[in-house]
């Protein structure tokens, strides 16, 4: 049985997926399985075209109707088998030692349920911080690109349109599950798709949030944050 399951939710990002798979092929840990969940792409993904010539085992490809990234991640979690699982977005490339470093933390400390790191969003540094529930209740500093023990993994909330990762870590933390931070920049996310909705923090303050072109995005952000606040009594 492989030690690491890499679950990739995919939707119409073929070239990005090739880059992600190339990055995975260069990981120093090779005891892995790759599960790609094609969430209703058009045209349908032919995984052999993406993985050909990369020196990795052919990924398991699962197709489903378009249900969103959380549903794709849940399907991948159910279909994968390894002791540790990571949800690897198709627009992410990683340092070759990322999985090795994360797995080492889990192997050395049985109390740790998941491991996360800093990352780059394009050229912007996105630092994390030490795991602390009180701080996590104020802001999300943990990326979905974290390595999780399967025995402690939970389902993603498919009803949420935003902040699915924040909800996941809040739920796990409220269950008494502990995360561990690696203070290194171990991966890079390309600004595209849903991640490109990121705006600098000052935009959400007066008077910036009232500027033309920003109002709708700020309102959507605040409404989505309110949903998380109500669910977790923040």
C-alpha atoms as a PDB file:
ATOM      1  CA  UNK A   1       0.000   0.000   0.000  1.00  0.00           C
ATOM      2  CA  UNK A   2       1.374   3.475  -0.826  1.00  0.00           C
ATOM      3  CA  UNK A   3       2.271   5.741   2.094  1.00  0.00           C
ATOM      4  CA  UNK A   4       0.947   8.985   0.540  1.00  0.00           C
ATOM      5  CA  UNK A   5      -2.287   9.652  -1.341  1.00  0.00           C
ATOM      6  CA  UNK A   6      -2.321  12.781  -3.492  1.00  0.00           C
ATOM      7  CA  UNK A   7      -5.878  13.834  -4.351  1.00  0.00           C
ATOM      8  CA  UNK A   8      -6.167  16.364  -7.192  1.00  0.00           C
ATOM      9  CA  UNK A   9      -9.550  17.990  -7.879  1.00  0.00           C
ATOM     10  CA  UNK A  10      -9.543  18.968 -11.547  1.00  0.00           C
ATOM     11  CA  UNK A  11     -11.724  21.209 -13.676  1.00  0.00           C
ATOM     12  CA  UNK A  12     -10.639  22.475 -17.107  1.00  0.00           C
ATOM     13  CA  UNK A  13      -7.006  23.210 -16.182  1.00  0.00           C
ATOM     14  CA  UNK A  14      -5.122  20.742 -18.347  1.00  0.00           C
ATOM     15  CA  UNK A  15      -1.838  22.631 -18.666  1.00  0.00           C
ATOM     16  CA  UNK A  16      -1.836  23.466 -14.960  1.00  0.00           C
ATOM     17  CA  UNK A  17      -2.408  19.792 -14.198  1.00  0.00           C
ATOM     18  CA  UNK A  18       0.604  18.814 -16.294  1.00  0.00           C
ATOM     19  CA  UNK A  19       2.741  21.216 -14.290  1.00  0.00           C
ATOM     20  CA  UNK A  20       1.373  19.843 -11.010  1.00  0.00           C
ATOM     21  CA  UNK A  21       2.058  16.258 -12.063  1.00  0.00           C
ATOM     22  CA  UNK A  22       5.556  17.211 -13.161  1.00  0.00           C
ATOM     23  CA  UNK A  23       6.125  18.711  -9.717  1.00  0.00           C
ATOM     24  CA  UNK A  24       4.798  15.539  -8.069  1.00  0.00           C
ATOM     25  CA  UNK A  25       7.126  13.396 -10.202  1.00  0.00           C
ATOM     26  CA  UNK A  26      10.089  15.278  -8.686  1.00  0.00           C
ATOM     27  CA  UNK A  27       9.116  14.671  -5.066  1.00  0.00           C
ATOM     28  CA  UNK A  28      11.789  12.902  -3.024  1.00  0.00           C
ATOM     29  CA  UNK A  29       9.058  10.617  -1.642  1.00  0.00           C
ATOM     30  CA  UNK A  30       7.835   8.290  -4.375  1.00  0.00           C
ATOM     31  CA  UNK A  31       5.732   5.855  -2.335  1.00  0.00           C
ATOM     32  CA  UNK A  32       2.576   7.583  -3.518  1.00  0.00           C
ATOM     33  CA  UNK A  33      -0.704   7.114  -5.313  1.00  0.00           C
ATOM     34  CA  UNK A  34      -2.283   9.910  -7.343  1.00  0.00           C
ATOM     35  CA  UNK A  35      -6.057  10.220  -7.543  1.00  0.00           C
ATOM     36  CA  UNK A  36      -7.414  12.785 -10.000  1.00  0.00           C
ATOM     37  CA  UNK A  37     -11.101  13.647  -9.723  1.00  0.00           C
ATOM     38  CA  UNK A  38     -12.344  15.240 -12.939  1.00  0.00           C
ATOM     39  CA  UNK A  39     -15.232  17.391 -11.765  1.00  0.00           C
ATOM     40  CA  UNK A  40     -17.156  17.558 -15.027  1.00  0.00           C
ATOM     41  CA  UNK A  41     -14.497  19.034 -17.315  1.00  0.00           C
ATOM     42  CA  UNK A  42     -15.353  19.780 -20.938  1.00  0.00           C
ATOM     43  CA  UNK A  43     -13.697  18.220 -22.860  1.00  0.00           C
ATOM     44  CA  UNK A  44     -13.197  15.241 -20.601  1.00  0.00           C
ATOM     45  CA  UNK A  45      -9.699  14.783 -19.246  1.00  0.00           C
ATOM     46  CA  UNK A  46      -7.493  12.091 -20.810  1.00  0.00           C
ATOM     47  CA  UNK A  47      -5.075  11.501 -17.961  1.00  0.00           C
ATOM     48  CA  UNK A  48      -2.560   9.562 -20.065  1.00  0.00           C
ATOM     49  CA  UNK A  49      -1.949  12.754 -22.062  1.00  0.00           C
ATOM     50  CA  UNK A  50      -1.074  14.659 -18.883  1.00  0.00           C
ATOM     51  CA  UNK A  51       1.070  12.028 -17.157  1.00  0.00           C
ATOM     52  CA  UNK A  52       2.855  10.602 -20.182  1.00  0.00           C
ATOM     53  CA  UNK A  53       6.635  10.574 -19.892  1.00  0.00           C
ATOM     54  CA  UNK A  54       6.775  11.883 -16.330  1.00  0.00           C
ATOM     55  CA  UNK A  55       8.100   8.758 -14.645  1.00  0.00           C
ATOM     56  CA  UNK A  56       5.171   8.367 -12.257  1.00  0.00           C
ATOM     57  CA  UNK A  57       2.614   5.606 -11.891  1.00  0.00           C
ATOM     58  CA  UNK A  58      -0.482   6.249 -13.953  1.00  0.00           C
ATOM     59  CA  UNK A  59      -2.929   8.204 -11.781  1.00  0.00           C
ATOM     60  CA  UNK A  60      -6.341   6.841 -10.949  1.00  0.00           C
ATOM     61  CA  UNK A  61      -8.836   9.001 -12.842  1.00  0.00           C
ATOM     62  CA  UNK A  62     -12.349   9.382 -11.487  1.00  0.00           C
ATOM     63  CA  UNK A  63     -14.997  11.303 -13.397  1.00  0.00           C
ATOM     64  CA  UNK A  64     -18.107  12.864 -11.915  1.00  0.00           C
ATOM     65  CA  UNK A  65     -20.657  15.527 -12.751  1.00  0.00           C
ATOM     66  CA  UNK A  66     -19.629  19.035 -11.811  1.00  0.00           C
ATOM     67  CA  UNK A  67     -20.227  19.349  -8.060  1.00  0.00           C
ATOM     68  CA  UNK A  68     -17.425  21.651  -6.962  1.00  0.00           C
ATOM     69  CA  UNK A  69     -13.960  21.245  -5.469  1.00  0.00           C
ATOM     70  CA  UNK A  70     -15.142  20.060  -2.050  1.00  0.00           C
ATOM     71  CA  UNK A  71     -17.191  17.233  -3.555  1.00  0.00           C
ATOM     72  CA  UNK A  72     -14.212  16.271  -5.723  1.00  0.00           C
ATOM     73  CA  UNK A  73     -11.929  16.199  -2.681  1.00  0.00           C
ATOM     74  CA  UNK A  74     -14.411  14.052  -0.755  1.00  0.00           C
ATOM     75  CA  UNK A  75     -14.657  11.606  -3.642  1.00  0.00           C
ATOM     76  CA  UNK A  76     -10.872  11.425  -3.840  1.00  0.00           C
ATOM     77  CA  UNK A  77     -10.621  10.834  -0.100  1.00  0.00           C
ATOM     78  CA  UNK A  78     -13.058   7.925  -0.340  1.00  0.00           C
ATOM     79  CA  UNK A  79     -11.268   6.339  -3.296  1.00  0.00           C
ATOM     80  CA  UNK A  80      -7.683   6.764  -2.050  1.00  0.00           C
ATOM     81  CA  UNK A  81      -5.983   4.306   0.290  1.00  0.00           C
ATOM     82  CA  UNK A  82      -2.711   5.540   1.805  1.00  0.00           C
ATOM     83  CA  UNK A  83      -1.956   6.335   5.439  1.00  0.00           C
ATOM     84  CA  UNK A  84      -1.487  10.055   4.698  1.00  0.00           C
ATOM     85  CA  UNK A  85      -3.447  12.192   2.254  1.00  0.00           C
ATOM     86  CA  UNK A  86      -2.879  15.629   0.735  1.00  0.00           C
ATOM     87  CA  UNK A  87      -5.350  17.618  -1.369  1.00  0.00           C
ATOM     88  CA  UNK A  88      -3.169  19.016  -4.132  1.00  0.00           C
ATOM     89  CA  UNK A  89      -4.792  21.717  -6.259  1.00  0.00           C
ATOM     90  CA  UNK A  90      -4.097  21.500  -9.996  1.00  0.00           C
ATOM     91  CA  UNK A  91      -2.596  25.007  -9.996  1.00  0.00           C
ATOM     92  CA  UNK A  92       0.115  24.183  -7.423  1.00  0.00           C
ATOM     93  CA  UNK A  93       3.772  23.244  -7.818  1.00  0.00           C
ATOM     94  CA  UNK A  94       5.910  22.252  -4.832  1.00  0.00           C
ATOM     95  CA  UNK A  95       9.461  22.013  -3.647  1.00  0.00           C
ATOM     96  CA  UNK A  96      10.782  18.463  -4.237  1.00  0.00           C
ATOM     97  CA  UNK A  97      11.149  17.835  -0.489  1.00  0.00           C
ATOM     98  CA  UNK A  98       7.713  19.088   0.549  1.00  0.00           C
ATOM     99  CA  UNK A  99       5.975  15.747   1.105  1.00  0.00           C
ATOM    100  CA  UNK A 100       9.063  14.207   2.683  1.00  0.00           C
ATOM    101  CA  UNK A 101       9.288  17.022   5.230  1.00  0.00           C
ATOM    102  CA  UNK A 102       5.578  16.900   6.033  1.00  0.00           C
ATOM    103  CA  UNK A 103       5.508  13.109   6.373  1.00  0.00           C
ATOM    104  CA  UNK A 104       8.518  13.210   8.703  1.00  0.00           C
ATOM    105  CA  UNK A 105       6.554  15.401  11.133  1.00  0.00           C
ATOM    106  CA  UNK A 106       3.635  12.960  11.199  1.00  0.00           C
ATOM    107  CA  UNK A 107       5.937  10.000  11.668  1.00  0.00           C
ATOM    108  CA  UNK A 108       7.798  11.607  14.564  1.00  0.00           C
ATOM    109  CA  UNK A 109       4.791  12.937  16.501  1.00  0.00           C
ATOM    110  CA  UNK A 110       1.681  10.767  16.799  1.00  0.00           C
ATOM    111  CA  UNK A 111      -0.265  13.663  18.335  1.00  0.00           C
ATOM    112  CA  UNK A 112      -0.094  15.684  15.108  1.00  0.00           C
ATOM    113  CA  UNK A 113      -3.078  15.208  12.789  1.00  0.00           C
ATOM    114  CA  UNK A 114      -1.973  17.429   9.894  1.00  0.00           C
ATOM    115  CA  UNK A 115       1.059  19.412   8.722  1.00  0.00           C
ATOM    116  CA  UNK A 116       1.081  22.724   6.851  1.00  0.00           C
ATOM    117  CA  UNK A 117       3.620  25.271   5.613  1.00  0.00           C
ATOM    118  CA  UNK A 118       4.072  28.759   4.199  1.00  0.00           C
ATOM    119  CA  UNK A 119       3.575  29.188   0.455  1.00  0.00           C
ATOM    120  CA  UNK A 120       3.778  31.622  -2.418  1.00  0.00           C
ATOM    121  CA  UNK A 121       0.670  32.976  -4.121  1.00  0.00           C
ATOM    122  CA  UNK A 122       2.268  33.930  -7.404  1.00  0.00           C
ATOM    123  CA  UNK A 123       5.137  36.112  -6.189  1.00  0.00           C
ATOM    124  CA  UNK A 124       3.474  37.075  -2.899  1.00  0.00           C
ATOM    125  CA  UNK A 125       4.618  35.363   0.286  1.00  0.00           C
ATOM    126  CA  UNK A 126       1.806  33.818   2.320  1.00  0.00           C
ATOM    127  CA  UNK A 127       3.242  33.003   5.768  1.00  0.00           C
ATOM    128  CA  UNK A 128       1.462  30.692   8.179  1.00  0.00           C
ATOM    129  CA  UNK A 129       2.025  30.536  11.949  1.00  0.00           C
ATOM    130  CA  UNK A 130       2.105  28.096  14.849  1.00  0.00           C
ATOM    131  CA  UNK A 131      -1.091  26.113  15.353  1.00  0.00           C
ATOM    132  CA  UNK A 132      -3.479  27.773  17.784  1.00  0.00           C
ATOM    133  CA  UNK A 133      -7.270  27.470  17.818  1.00  0.00           C
ATOM    134  CA  UNK A 134      -7.882  30.949  19.232  1.00  0.00           C
ATOM    135  CA  UNK A 135      -5.900  32.511  16.381  1.00  0.00           C
ATOM    136  CA  UNK A 136      -7.498  30.190  13.813  1.00  0.00           C
ATOM    137  CA  UNK A 137     -10.906  31.394  14.934  1.00  0.00           C
ATOM    138  CA  UNK A 138      -9.892  34.924  13.941  1.00  0.00           C
ATOM    139  CA  UNK A 139      -8.224  34.172  10.606  1.00  0.00           C
ATOM    140  CA  UNK A 140      -7.343  31.295   8.351  1.00  0.00           C
ATOM    141  CA  UNK A 141      -3.601  30.764   8.027  1.00  0.00           C
ATOM    142  CA  UNK A 142      -3.633  27.092   6.970  1.00  0.00           C
ATOM    143  CA  UNK A 143      -3.697  26.103   3.302  1.00  0.00           C
ATOM    144  CA  UNK A 144      -5.637  23.172   1.896  1.00  0.00           C
ATOM    145  CA  UNK A 145      -2.215  21.875   0.728  1.00  0.00           C
ATOM    146  CA  UNK A 146      -1.580  20.129   4.045  1.00  0.00           C
ATOM    147  CA  UNK A 147      -0.683  16.500   4.751  1.00  0.00           C
ATOM    148  CA  UNK A 148      -3.343  14.773   6.885  1.00  0.00           C
ATOM    149  CA  UNK A 149      -3.479  11.438   8.684  1.00  0.00           C
ATOM    150  CA  UNK A 150      -6.241   9.466   6.993  1.00  0.00           C
ATOM    151  CA  UNK A 151      -7.424   8.130  10.362  1.00  0.00           C
ATOM    152  CA  UNK A 152      -8.211  11.715  11.423  1.00  0.00           C
ATOM    153  CA  UNK A 153      -9.344  13.202   8.112  1.00  0.00           C
ATOM    154  CA  UNK A 154     -12.897  14.501   7.812  1.00  0.00           C
ATOM    155  CA  UNK A 155     -15.234  15.331   4.952  1.00  0.00           C
ATOM    156  CA  UNK A 156     -15.191  18.774   3.326  1.00  0.00           C
ATOM    157  CA  UNK A 157     -18.445  20.716   3.657  1.00  0.00           C
ATOM    158  CA  UNK A 158     -19.870  20.647   0.128  1.00  0.00           C
ATOM    159  CA  UNK A 159     -22.474  23.324   0.895  1.00  0.00           C
ATOM    160  CA  UNK A 160     -19.852  26.061   1.299  1.00  0.00           C
ATOM    161  CA  UNK A 161     -18.910  28.250  -1.660  1.00  0.00           C
ATOM    162  CA  UNK A 162     -15.865  29.868  -0.007  1.00  0.00           C
ATOM    163  CA  UNK A 163     -13.595  29.284   3.000  1.00  0.00           C
ATOM    164  CA  UNK A 164     -13.898  25.506   2.690  1.00  0.00           C
ATOM    165  CA  UNK A 165     -10.338  25.064   3.954  1.00  0.00           C
ATOM    166  CA  UNK A 166     -10.898  27.370   6.945  1.00  0.00           C
ATOM    167  CA  UNK A 167     -14.016  25.388   7.825  1.00  0.00           C
ATOM    168  CA  UNK A 168     -12.096  22.107   7.573  1.00  0.00           C
ATOM    169  CA  UNK A 169      -9.312  23.204   9.933  1.00  0.00           C
ATOM    170  CA  UNK A 170     -11.743  24.813  12.375  1.00  0.00           C
ATOM    171  CA  UNK A 171     -13.790  21.619  12.526  1.00  0.00           C
ATOM    172  CA  UNK A 172     -10.723  19.444  13.043  1.00  0.00           C
ATOM    173  CA  UNK A 173      -9.349  21.794  15.706  1.00  0.00           C
ATOM    174  CA  UNK A 174     -12.704  21.858  17.505  1.00  0.00           C
ATOM    175  CA  UNK A 175     -12.494  18.057  17.577  1.00  0.00           C
ATOM    176  CA  UNK A 176      -9.174  18.328  19.417  1.00  0.00           C
ATOM    177  CA  UNK A 177      -7.003  17.540  16.405  1.00  0.00           C
ATOM    178  CA  UNK A 178      -3.638  19.249  16.290  1.00  0.00           C
ATOM    179  CA  UNK A 179      -1.763  20.791  13.365  1.00  0.00           C
ATOM    180  CA  UNK A 180       1.971  21.451  13.019  1.00  0.00           C
ATOM    181  CA  UNK A 181       3.587  24.300  11.076  1.00  0.00           C
ATOM    182  CA  UNK A 182       6.725  23.949   8.983  1.00  0.00           C
ATOM    183  CA  UNK A 183       8.135  27.464   8.744  1.00  0.00           C
ATOM    184  CA  UNK A 184       9.288  27.122   5.136  1.00  0.00           C
ATOM    185  CA  UNK A 185       7.866  28.157   1.766  1.00  0.00           C
ATOM    186  CA  UNK A 186       7.249  24.702   0.322  1.00  0.00           C
ATOM    187  CA  UNK A 187       4.877  25.346  -2.591  1.00  0.00           C
ATOM    188  CA  UNK A 188       3.582  27.936  -5.010  1.00  0.00           C
ATOM    189  CA  UNK A 189      -0.005  28.520  -6.172  1.00  0.00           C
ATOM    190  CA  UNK A 190      -0.671  30.178  -9.524  1.00  0.00           C
ATOM    191  CA  UNK A 191      -3.249  33.016  -9.329  1.00  0.00           C
ATOM    192  CA  UNK A 192      -6.094  31.623 -11.413  1.00  0.00           C
ATOM    193  CA  UNK A 193      -9.609  30.324 -10.933  1.00  0.00           C
ATOM    194  CA  UNK A 194     -11.077  30.693  -7.438  1.00  0.00           C
ATOM    195  CA  UNK A 195      -7.756  31.571  -5.838  1.00  0.00           C
ATOM    196  CA  UNK A 196      -7.466  34.686  -7.985  1.00  0.00           C
ATOM    197  CA  UNK A 197     -10.329  36.170  -5.940  1.00  0.00           C
ATOM    198  CA  UNK A 198      -7.727  37.148  -3.312  1.00  0.00           C
ATOM    199  CA  UNK A 199      -7.624  40.855  -2.513  1.00  0.00           C
ATOM    200  CA  UNK A 200      -5.267  42.726  -0.180  1.00  0.00           C
ATOM    201  CA  UNK A 201      -6.626  43.205   3.349  1.00  0.00           C
ATOM    202  CA  UNK A 202      -6.994  46.981   3.128  1.00  0.00           C
ATOM    203  CA  UNK A 203      -9.629  46.594   0.381  1.00  0.00           C
ATOM    204  CA  UNK A 204     -12.115  45.302   2.974  1.00  0.00           C
ATOM    205  CA  UNK A 205     -11.908  48.522   4.985  1.00  0.00           C
ATOM    206  CA  UNK A 206     -13.714  51.841   4.479  1.00  0.00           C
ATOM    207  CA  UNK A 207     -13.615  53.656   2.079  1.00  0.00           C
ATOM    208  CA  UNK A 208     -11.852  51.152  -0.206  1.00  0.00           C
ATOM    209  CA  UNK A 209     -14.597  48.537  -0.115  1.00  0.00           C
ATOM    210  CA  UNK A 210     -17.028  51.051  -1.624  1.00  0.00           C
ATOM    211  CA  UNK A 211     -14.941  51.670  -4.726  1.00  0.00           C
ATOM    212  CA  UNK A 212     -16.534  50.719  -8.082  1.00  0.00           C
ATOM    213  CA  UNK A 213     -15.664  47.170  -9.095  1.00  0.00           C
ATOM    214  CA  UNK A 214     -14.799  46.079  -5.551  1.00  0.00           C
ATOM    215  CA  UNK A 215     -18.148  46.352  -3.795  1.00  0.00           C
ATOM    216  CA  UNK A 216     -19.614  43.101  -5.069  1.00  0.00           C
ATOM    217  CA  UNK A 217     -16.476  41.103  -4.326  1.00  0.00           C
ATOM    218  CA  UNK A 218     -16.195  42.531  -0.833  1.00  0.00           C
ATOM    219  CA  UNK A 219     -19.880  41.816  -0.162  1.00  0.00           C
ATOM    220  CA  UNK A 220     -19.497  38.199  -1.328  1.00  0.00           C
ATOM    221  CA  UNK A 221     -16.447  37.824   0.894  1.00  0.00           C
ATOM    222  CA  UNK A 222     -18.215  39.233   3.942  1.00  0.00           C
ATOM    223  CA  UNK A 223     -21.316  37.095   3.361  1.00  0.00           C
ATOM    224  CA  UNK A 224     -19.222  33.928   3.024  1.00  0.00           C
ATOM    225  CA  UNK A 225     -17.254  34.809   6.147  1.00  0.00           C
ATOM    226  CA  UNK A 226     -20.520  35.301   8.026  1.00  0.00           C
ATOM    227  CA  UNK A 227     -21.565  31.747   7.099  1.00  0.00           C
ATOM    228  CA  UNK A 228     -18.376  30.383   8.663  1.00  0.00           C
ATOM    229  CA  UNK A 229     -18.861  32.640  11.670  1.00  0.00           C
ATOM    230  CA  UNK A 230     -22.363  31.289  12.264  1.00  0.00           C
ATOM    231  CA  UNK A 231     -21.332  27.649  11.788  1.00  0.00           C
ATOM    232  CA  UNK A 232     -18.425  27.905  14.241  1.00  0.00           C
ATOM    233  CA  UNK A 233     -19.851  30.561  16.578  1.00  0.00           C
ATOM    234  CA  UNK A 234     -16.971  32.936  15.866  1.00  0.00           C
END
